[in-house]
Amino acid sequence: MTSTTRITAAAAALLAGSIGAAQADIKIGVLYPTSGTGAVYGVPAMQGHDMAVDEINGGGGVGGEMLVTFARDTKLKPAAAAAAAKELITKDNVDVLVGGLSSAVGLAISEVARQEGVIYIATIPKTIQMTTTKLHKHVFRTSSHTDFEGDAMAQIVAQLGKTKLCDIQLDYAYGHDLAAGIEKGLKRHAPNVEKVIDLRSKLGATDYNAQITQILGTGCDVVTSGLWGSHFVNFAQQAQPFGLFDQVVYISGGEIASHEIAGRMGKDYPDNVWSNTYELWYDHTVPAHEKFQADLAARAGTKETAMWPVLAYIGVKFIAAAAEKAGSTDADELAAALEGMSIDTPVGPRTIDPETHQADTGQFWGPMVRKEGVDYRVMNPVTYIPAKID
């Protein structure tokens, strides 16, 4: 494998007599939050990343070269993520960046990748900006995006026959873009739905009482939202005493159907919630998923595994496939290899669009319901909504 940043074949040959031929590595700069509030996502994501690296290296690597991880904690802060990305490139000489969580962090990493001319694969951030207005030749996304997500939510609004809608989002890139995606989707699927209120909360907000009161005062029959993680947990806990979930159907992006949230909330998870996830530990719709989940469970030491590992796992698989196809870690050659690339994953095949650099990643959607003998909510039925906008 060739690379402009590595020891040349001729130089390696000169060293072979005394220390053996030098073996190059494929250096991956990994950027997930592994401390603070983001650790509930970042730590499982790192498990998926490490699992993919171990599988590939255990099979002989990529063309005989091993994948080597250089991980940094983004702390869920754009500035920290950008500084870490810069350090990974300039000090650790990584060949590719992967990861991110919030859209703001993803955009910050992407900008560093643009400036430095290094490939960045966004495995979790969903803002549509990344593959539209802020697209560049070295950024690729393997997660879904806000237009796909918003369109799926609008389809569910139409399916349930709802007519009066309230929307609550977080006041940053993901929330703004998801709200816009829902608006576009409603025009396609439910043009007669009336939106009666738009609410925005700060990223990291913990008090939602004012917004809950406003929603209850509108008389809406459906709430669309992108409150994720602890934002949803806090909102739900504060809304339950008011009976909000008895009065509306709550349709949410932000993967609050994942076991990370459903398992954590247990019996406190509210009724009348429809949401999404990239993967469910108990759903083996795709045959390859059963082995993936069993391997992940063995690694994590728990039967009920998290969702986020599969996203990081897929990102590594794309890196390896691109390096193998390109025969190089040169950024432009990797980019050319990634454009139009298809791979099989534990949740189905994924293909990266050569023009937008966006993978065709849909999501599983459904109502979260009680199951006898289980202390947490599960999705039933589970429906895959593909990454397709009609």
Protein backbone atom coordinates (compact mmCIF):
# COMPACT_ATOMS: atom_id res chain seq x y z
CA MET A 1 0.00 0.00 0.00
CA THR A 2 1.33 3.45 -0.88
CA SER A 3 1.13 6.67 1.10
CA THR A 4 2.93 10.00 0.81
CA THR A 5 3.31 10.07 4.60
CA ARG A 6 5.01 6.73 5.08
CA ILE A 7 8.44 5.19 4.73
CA THR A 8 9.04 4.39 1.07
CA ALA A 9 9.52 0.84 -0.12
CA ALA A 10 13.16 1.58 -0.95
CA ALA A 11 13.86 2.95 2.52
CA ALA A 12 12.16 -0.04 4.10
CA ALA A 13 14.34 -2.38 2.07
CA LEU A 14 17.50 -0.71 3.36
CA LEU A 15 16.34 -1.27 6.95
CA ALA A 16 15.25 -4.84 6.44
CA GLY A 17 18.64 -6.39 7.12
CA SER A 18 18.85 -5.17 10.72
CA ILE A 19 15.34 -4.57 12.06
CA GLY A 20 13.05 -6.12 9.48
CA ALA A 21 10.93 -4.39 6.90
CA ALA A 22 8.97 -1.47 8.31
CA GLN A 23 5.23 -2.07 8.42
CA ALA A 24 2.98 0.91 7.91
CA ASP A 25 -0.22 1.38 9.87
CA ILE A 26 -3.53 2.98 8.96
CA LYS A 27 -3.97 5.60 11.65
CA ILE A 28 -7.53 6.51 12.59
CA GLY A 29 -8.27 9.61 14.65
CA VAL A 30 -11.39 8.87 16.67
CA LEU A 31 -13.52 11.65 18.15
CA TYR A 32 -16.34 10.72 20.53
CA PRO A 33 -17.38 12.18 23.91
CA THR A 34 -16.15 9.78 26.57
CA SER A 35 -16.67 11.98 29.63
CA GLY A 36 -19.49 14.16 30.89
CA THR A 37 -23.07 14.00 29.62
CA GLY A 38 -22.04 12.66 26.21
CA ALA A 39 -20.29 9.61 27.60
CA VAL A 40 -23.53 7.59 27.58
CA TYR A 41 -23.18 7.68 23.77
CA GLY A 42 -19.45 8.04 23.28
CA VAL A 43 -18.36 5.10 25.43
CA PRO A 44 -20.64 2.60 23.60
CA ALA A 45 -19.56 4.10 20.28
CA MET A 46 -15.95 3.38 21.19
CA GLN A 47 -16.93 -0.24 21.89
CA GLY A 48 -18.26 -0.54 18.35
CA HIS A 49 -15.18 1.15 16.93
CA ASP A 50 -12.83 -1.15 18.81
CA MET A 51 -14.82 -4.22 17.82
CA ALA A 52 -14.53 -3.38 14.13
CA VAL A 53 -10.80 -2.64 14.45
CA ASP A 54 -10.19 -5.94 16.25
CA GLU A 55 -12.14 -7.88 13.62
CA ILE A 56 -10.25 -6.32 10.74
CA ASN A 57 -6.83 -6.63 12.37
CA GLY A 58 -7.63 -10.20 13.42
CA GLY A 59 -8.26 -11.01 9.77
CA GLY A 60 -4.88 -9.69 8.69
CA GLY A 61 -5.67 -5.99 8.49
CA VAL A 62 -5.99 -4.12 5.22
CA GLY A 63 -3.46 -5.33 2.71
CA GLY A 64 -1.38 -6.52 5.65
CA GLU A 65 -1.50 -3.15 7.39
CA MET A 66 -3.05 -2.81 10.82
CA LEU A 67 -5.64 -0.25 11.87
CA VAL A 68 -4.37 1.83 14.79
CA THR A 69 -6.70 3.99 16.89
CA PHE A 70 -5.82 7.42 18.25
CA ALA A 71 -8.82 8.41 20.38
CA ARG A 72 -9.68 11.82 21.81
CA ASP A 73 -12.54 12.94 24.06
CA THR A 74 -14.58 15.70 22.38
CA LYS A 75 -16.39 16.47 25.67
CA LEU A 76 -19.41 17.17 23.44
CA LYS A 77 -17.96 20.65 22.76
CA PRO A 78 -17.23 21.96 19.23
CA ALA A 79 -14.12 23.87 20.28
CA ALA A 80 -12.65 20.87 22.10
CA ALA A 81 -13.47 18.62 19.16
CA ALA A 82 -11.84 20.97 16.66
CA ALA A 83 -8.68 21.27 18.78
CA ALA A 84 -8.50 17.49 19.19
CA ALA A 85 -8.98 16.93 15.45
CA LYS A 86 -6.19 19.41 14.67
CA GLU A 87 -3.85 17.69 17.12
CA LEU A 88 -4.61 14.25 15.72
CA ILE A 89 -3.67 15.45 12.25
CA THR A 90 -0.62 17.56 13.03
CA LYS A 91 0.92 15.59 15.93
CA ASP A 92 -0.29 12.03 15.48
CA ASN A 93 -0.32 12.14 11.67
CA VAL A 94 -3.61 10.26 11.42
CA ASP A 95 -4.77 9.24 7.96
CA VAL A 96 -8.49 9.73 8.58
CA LEU A 97 -10.86 11.19 11.16
CA VAL A 98 -14.03 9.44 12.29
CA GLY A 99 -16.78 10.08 14.81
CA GLY A 100 -18.58 13.11 16.21
CA LEU A 101 -21.88 13.17 18.06
CA SER A 102 -23.82 16.43 18.07
CA SER A 103 -24.26 18.29 14.80
CA ALA A 104 -22.28 21.27 16.11
CA VAL A 105 -19.35 18.99 16.94
CA GLY A 106 -19.60 17.28 13.57
CA LEU A 107 -19.48 20.59 11.70
CA ALA A 108 -16.44 21.67 13.75
CA ILE A 109 -14.55 18.47 12.92
CA SER A 110 -15.56 18.75 9.28
CA GLU A 111 -14.13 22.24 9.02
CA VAL A 112 -10.77 21.07 10.38
CA ALA A 113 -10.82 18.20 7.88
CA ARG A 114 -11.50 20.67 5.08
CA GLN A 115 -8.67 22.95 6.12
CA GLU A 116 -6.16 20.12 6.57
CA GLY A 117 -7.23 18.03 3.58
CA VAL A 118 -7.97 14.90 5.64
CA ILE A 119 -10.91 12.53 5.24
CA TYR A 120 -13.61 12.82 7.91
CA ILE A 121 -16.35 10.21 8.20
CA ALA A 122 -19.23 11.50 10.33
CA THR A 123 -20.79 8.46 11.96
CA ILE A 124 -23.43 10.16 14.14
CA PRO A 125 -23.97 13.93 13.37
CA LYS A 126 -27.12 14.49 11.30
CA THR A 127 -27.34 18.16 10.30
CA ILE A 128 -28.24 18.38 6.60
CA GLN A 129 -25.69 21.20 6.25
CA MET A 130 -22.80 18.74 6.34
CA THR A 131 -23.71 17.23 2.98
CA THR A 132 -25.29 20.32 1.39
CA THR A 133 -24.18 23.90 2.09
CA LYS A 134 -21.03 22.82 3.97
CA LEU A 135 -20.13 19.81 1.85
CA HIS A 136 -16.49 19.49 0.81
CA LYS A 137 -14.47 16.84 -0.98
CA HIS A 138 -13.13 15.20 2.19
CA VAL A 139 -16.29 14.86 4.34
CA PHE A 140 -18.54 11.79 4.20
CA ARG A 141 -21.50 10.80 6.36
CA THR A 142 -22.57 7.24 7.21
CA SER A 143 -25.38 8.20 9.61
CA SER A 144 -28.78 9.46 8.50
CA HIS A 145 -29.57 13.17 8.16
CA THR A 146 -32.25 15.61 9.29
CA ASP A 147 -34.22 15.69 6.04
CA PHE A 148 -34.60 11.89 6.06
CA GLU A 149 -35.52 11.97 9.74
CA GLY A 150 -38.02 14.78 9.35
CA ASP A 151 -39.64 13.08 6.37
CA ALA A 152 -40.09 9.85 8.36
CA MET A 153 -41.72 11.79 11.21
CA ALA A 154 -44.12 13.45 8.78
CA GLN A 155 -45.05 10.04 7.38
CA ILE A 156 -45.98 8.89 10.90
CA VAL A 157 -48.04 12.05 11.54
CA ALA A 158 -49.98 11.28 8.36
CA GLN A 159 -50.32 7.57 9.24
CA LEU A 160 -51.81 8.42 12.63
CA GLY A 161 -54.22 10.96 11.12
CA LYS A 162 -53.13 13.83 13.35
CA THR A 163 -54.17 17.37 12.45
CA LYS A 164 -52.82 19.84 15.02
CA LEU A 165 -49.07 19.83 15.67
CA CYS A 166 -46.68 21.33 18.20
CA ASP A 167 -42.93 21.18 17.59
CA ILE A 168 -40.18 21.40 20.21
CA GLN A 169 -36.51 21.29 19.28
CA LEU A 170 -33.11 22.14 20.67
CA ASP A 171 -31.77 25.53 19.63
CA TYR A 172 -28.75 24.49 17.56
CA ALA A 173 -27.97 23.04 14.13
CA TYR A 174 -29.64 19.66 14.61
CA GLY A 175 -32.83 21.13 16.06
CA HIS A 176 -33.16 23.83 13.42
CA ASP A 177 -32.46 21.44 10.56
CA LEU A 178 -34.79 18.74 11.90
CA ALA A 179 -37.60 21.28 12.23
CA ALA A 180 -37.03 22.27 8.61
CA GLY A 181 -36.99 18.61 7.59
CA ILE A 182 -40.32 18.02 9.32
CA GLU A 183 -41.81 21.06 7.55
CA LYS A 184 -40.71 19.69 4.17
CA GLY A 185 -42.07 16.27 5.04
CA LEU A 186 -45.45 17.63 6.14
CA LYS A 187 -45.86 19.39 2.79
CA ARG A 188 -45.33 16.04 1.06
CA HIS A 189 -47.25 13.70 3.34
CA ALA A 190 -49.66 15.71 5.52
CA PRO A 191 -50.28 19.14 3.94
CA ASN A 192 -53.47 19.72 5.95
CA VAL A 193 -51.76 19.46 9.33
CA GLU A 194 -51.76 22.76 11.23
CA LYS A 195 -48.61 23.66 13.15
CA VAL A 196 -49.69 25.73 16.13
CA ILE A 197 -46.43 26.39 17.94
CA ASP A 198 -42.64 26.19 17.50
CA LEU A 199 -40.60 25.91 20.68
CA ARG A 200 -36.82 25.98 21.07
CA SER A 201 -34.75 25.01 24.12
CA LYS A 202 -31.06 25.51 24.74
CA LEU A 203 -28.71 22.61 24.19
CA GLY A 204 -28.13 21.20 27.68
CA ALA A 205 -31.43 22.57 29.06
CA THR A 206 -32.84 20.79 32.12
CA ASP A 207 -36.07 22.74 32.83
CA TYR A 208 -38.95 22.28 30.38
CA ASN A 209 -41.90 23.38 32.52
CA ALA A 210 -42.55 26.55 30.51
CA GLN A 211 -42.60 24.63 27.21
CA ILE A 212 -44.83 21.89 28.66
CA THR A 213 -47.35 24.52 29.79
CA GLN A 214 -47.29 26.13 26.36
CA ILE A 215 -47.88 22.80 24.60
CA LEU A 216 -50.80 21.94 26.89
CA GLY A 217 -52.37 25.33 26.19
CA THR A 218 -52.51 24.79 22.42
CA GLY A 219 -54.73 21.73 22.31
CA CYS A 220 -52.46 20.01 19.79
CA ASP A 221 -52.90 16.28 19.23
CA VAL A 222 -49.31 15.50 18.21
CA VAL A 223 -45.90 16.76 19.30
CA THR A 224 -42.87 16.41 17.05
CA SER A 225 -39.47 16.70 18.67
CA GLY A 226 -35.76 16.09 18.47
CA LEU A 227 -35.05 16.18 22.20
CA TRP A 228 -32.42 13.48 22.63
CA GLY A 229 -30.72 11.78 25.54
CA SER A 230 -31.08 13.50 28.89
CA HIS A 231 -33.09 16.29 27.22
CA PHE A 232 -35.91 13.83 26.55
CA VAL A 233 -35.54 12.16 29.95
CA ASN A 234 -35.92 15.51 31.73
CA PHE A 235 -38.79 16.61 29.50
CA ALA A 236 -40.67 13.34 30.02
CA GLN A 237 -40.20 13.32 33.79
CA GLN A 238 -41.49 16.89 34.04
CA ALA A 239 -44.39 16.34 31.61
CA GLN A 240 -45.74 13.16 33.21
CA PRO A 241 -47.43 14.86 36.22
CA PHE A 242 -49.29 17.15 33.81
CA GLY A 243 -50.65 14.19 31.83
CA LEU A 244 -49.12 15.48 28.61
CA PHE A 245 -48.49 12.02 27.18
CA ASP A 246 -52.15 11.11 27.82
CA GLN A 247 -53.24 14.01 25.62
CA VAL A 248 -50.84 13.83 22.67
CA VAL A 249 -48.84 11.40 20.59
CA TYR A 250 -45.16 12.27 20.88
CA ILE A 251 -43.15 11.57 17.71
CA SER A 252 -39.43 12.06 18.21
CA GLY A 253 -36.17 11.84 16.38
CA GLY A 254 -32.95 11.72 18.35
CA GLU A 255 -33.01 7.91 18.72
CA ILE A 256 -34.92 7.89 22.01
CA ALA A 257 -36.13 4.40 21.05
CA SER A 258 -32.60 3.11 21.60
CA HIS A 259 -32.02 0.88 24.59
CA GLU A 260 -29.70 3.51 26.07
CA ILE A 261 -32.82 5.59 26.77
CA ALA A 262 -35.56 2.97 27.06
CA GLY A 263 -33.51 0.79 29.39
CA ARG A 264 -32.40 3.73 31.50
CA MET A 265 -35.94 5.07 31.97
CA GLY A 266 -37.50 1.66 32.53
CA LYS A 267 -41.12 1.89 33.66
CA ASP A 268 -40.89 5.69 33.69
CA TYR A 269 -40.78 5.76 29.88
CA PRO A 270 -44.07 7.47 28.88
CA ASP A 271 -46.95 6.13 26.82
CA ASN A 272 -47.79 7.31 23.29
CA VAL A 273 -44.22 7.75 22.11
CA TRP A 274 -43.08 6.89 18.58
CA SER A 275 -39.39 7.15 17.87
CA ASN A 276 -36.41 5.94 15.89
CA THR A 277 -33.20 3.99 16.24
CA TYR A 278 -30.42 2.73 13.98
CA GLU A 279 -30.37 -0.68 15.64
CA LEU A 280 -32.22 -2.69 18.27
CA TRP A 281 -30.45 -5.44 20.17
CA TYR A 282 -33.60 -7.61 20.09
CA ASP A 283 -34.43 -7.23 16.38
CA HIS A 284 -32.66 -9.50 13.88
CA THR A 285 -34.43 -8.42 10.68
CA VAL A 286 -31.05 -8.48 8.95
CA PRO A 287 -29.51 -11.98 9.38
CA ALA A 288 -25.99 -10.63 9.97
CA HIS A 289 -27.25 -8.66 12.95
CA GLU A 290 -27.59 -11.68 15.22
CA LYS A 291 -23.86 -12.46 15.18
CA PHE A 292 -22.95 -8.78 15.48
CA GLN A 293 -25.17 -8.39 18.52
CA ALA A 294 -23.88 -11.57 20.14
CA ASP A 295 -20.27 -10.46 19.67
CA LEU A 296 -21.08 -7.01 21.02
CA ALA A 297 -22.88 -8.51 24.02
CA ALA A 298 -19.85 -10.64 24.83
CA ARG A 299 -17.60 -7.59 24.61
CA ALA A 300 -19.93 -5.36 26.65
CA GLY A 301 -20.77 -8.03 29.21
CA THR A 302 -24.51 -7.50 28.87
CA LYS A 303 -27.29 -9.12 26.86
CA GLU A 304 -29.06 -5.82 26.25
CA THR A 305 -26.59 -3.87 24.17
CA ALA A 306 -26.57 -0.21 23.20
CA MET A 307 -27.38 1.21 19.77
CA TRP A 308 -24.44 3.56 19.23
CA PRO A 309 -21.78 0.87 18.67
CA VAL A 310 -23.20 -0.09 15.27
CA LEU A 311 -22.68 3.45 13.94
CA ALA A 312 -19.01 3.52 14.92
CA TYR A 313 -18.56 -0.05 13.67
CA ILE A 314 -19.90 0.87 10.23
CA GLY A 315 -17.62 3.90 10.04
CA VAL A 316 -14.54 1.73 10.55
CA LYS A 317 -15.76 -0.78 7.97
CA PHE A 318 -16.05 2.00 5.40
CA ILE A 319 -12.52 3.19 6.21
CA ALA A 320 -11.08 -0.28 5.72
CA ALA A 321 -13.02 -0.88 2.50
CA ALA A 322 -11.90 2.47 1.07
CA ALA A 323 -8.25 1.92 2.00
CA GLU A 324 -8.33 -1.52 0.42
CA LYS A 325 -9.95 -0.22 -2.76
CA ALA A 326 -7.63 2.80 -3.05
CA GLY A 327 -4.47 0.92 -2.09
CA SER A 328 -3.50 4.13 -0.36
CA THR A 329 -4.29 6.44 2.54
CA ASP A 330 -3.90 9.57 0.42
CA ALA A 331 -6.97 11.70 1.16
CA ASP A 332 -7.94 12.32 -2.45
CA GLU A 333 -7.60 8.64 -3.31
CA LEU A 334 -9.64 7.63 -0.28
CA ALA A 335 -12.30 10.16 -1.26
CA ALA A 336 -12.49 8.72 -4.76
CA ALA A 337 -12.85 5.22 -3.29
CA LEU A 338 -15.61 6.27 -0.90
CA GLU A 339 -17.71 7.94 -3.59
CA GLY A 340 -20.34 5.41 -4.63
CA MET A 341 -18.96 2.73 -2.29
CA SER A 342 -21.31 0.01 -1.02
CA ILE A 343 -20.70 -2.30 1.94
CA ASP A 344 -22.77 -4.82 3.87
CA THR A 345 -23.46 -3.96 7.52
CA PRO A 346 -25.24 -5.65 10.45
CA VAL A 347 -28.29 -3.47 9.70
CA GLY A 348 -28.30 -3.87 5.93
CA PRO A 349 -26.33 -2.63 2.92
CA ARG A 350 -25.11 0.96 2.82
CA THR A 351 -24.06 2.98 -0.22
CA ILE A 352 -22.46 6.44 -0.22
CA ASP A 353 -23.85 8.80 -2.85
CA PRO A 354 -20.95 9.99 -5.04
CA GLU A 355 -22.34 13.53 -5.31
CA THR A 356 -23.54 14.31 -1.77
CA HIS A 357 -21.15 11.98 0.14
CA GLN A 358 -24.23 10.83 2.11
CA ALA A 359 -24.89 7.17 2.86
CA ASP A 360 -28.40 5.85 2.22
CA THR A 361 -28.98 5.20 5.90
CA GLY A 362 -32.60 4.86 6.95
CA GLN A 363 -33.84 4.08 10.44
CA PHE A 364 -36.15 1.79 12.37
CA TRP A 365 -39.32 3.52 13.58
CA GLY A 366 -42.27 2.45 15.70
CA PRO A 367 -44.28 2.88 18.89
CA MET A 368 -42.61 2.17 22.22
CA VAL A 369 -44.84 -0.27 24.11
CA ARG A 370 -45.00 -2.30 27.30
CA LYS A 371 -44.05 -5.96 27.12
CA GLU A 372 -45.07 -8.46 29.76
CA GLY A 373 -42.20 -9.40 32.04
CA VAL A 374 -39.94 -6.60 30.75
CA ASP A 375 -39.12 -3.53 32.84
CA TYR A 376 -38.48 -1.23 29.88
CA ARG A 377 -40.28 -0.25 26.68
CA VAL A 378 -39.62 -1.98 23.38
CA MET A 379 -40.45 -1.00 19.83
CA ASN A 380 -43.34 -3.00 18.38
CA PRO A 381 -43.91 -3.24 15.52
CA VAL A 382 -40.47 -2.41 14.15
CA THR A 383 -40.62 -0.75 10.73
CA TYR A 384 -37.62 0.24 8.64
CA ILE A 385 -38.18 3.56 6.86
CA PRO A 386 -35.55 3.85 4.13
CA ALA A 387 -33.51 6.95 3.41
CA LYS A 388 -35.73 8.00 0.55
CA ILE A 389 -37.66 11.21 -0.03
CA ASP A 390 -40.47 10.93 -2.59
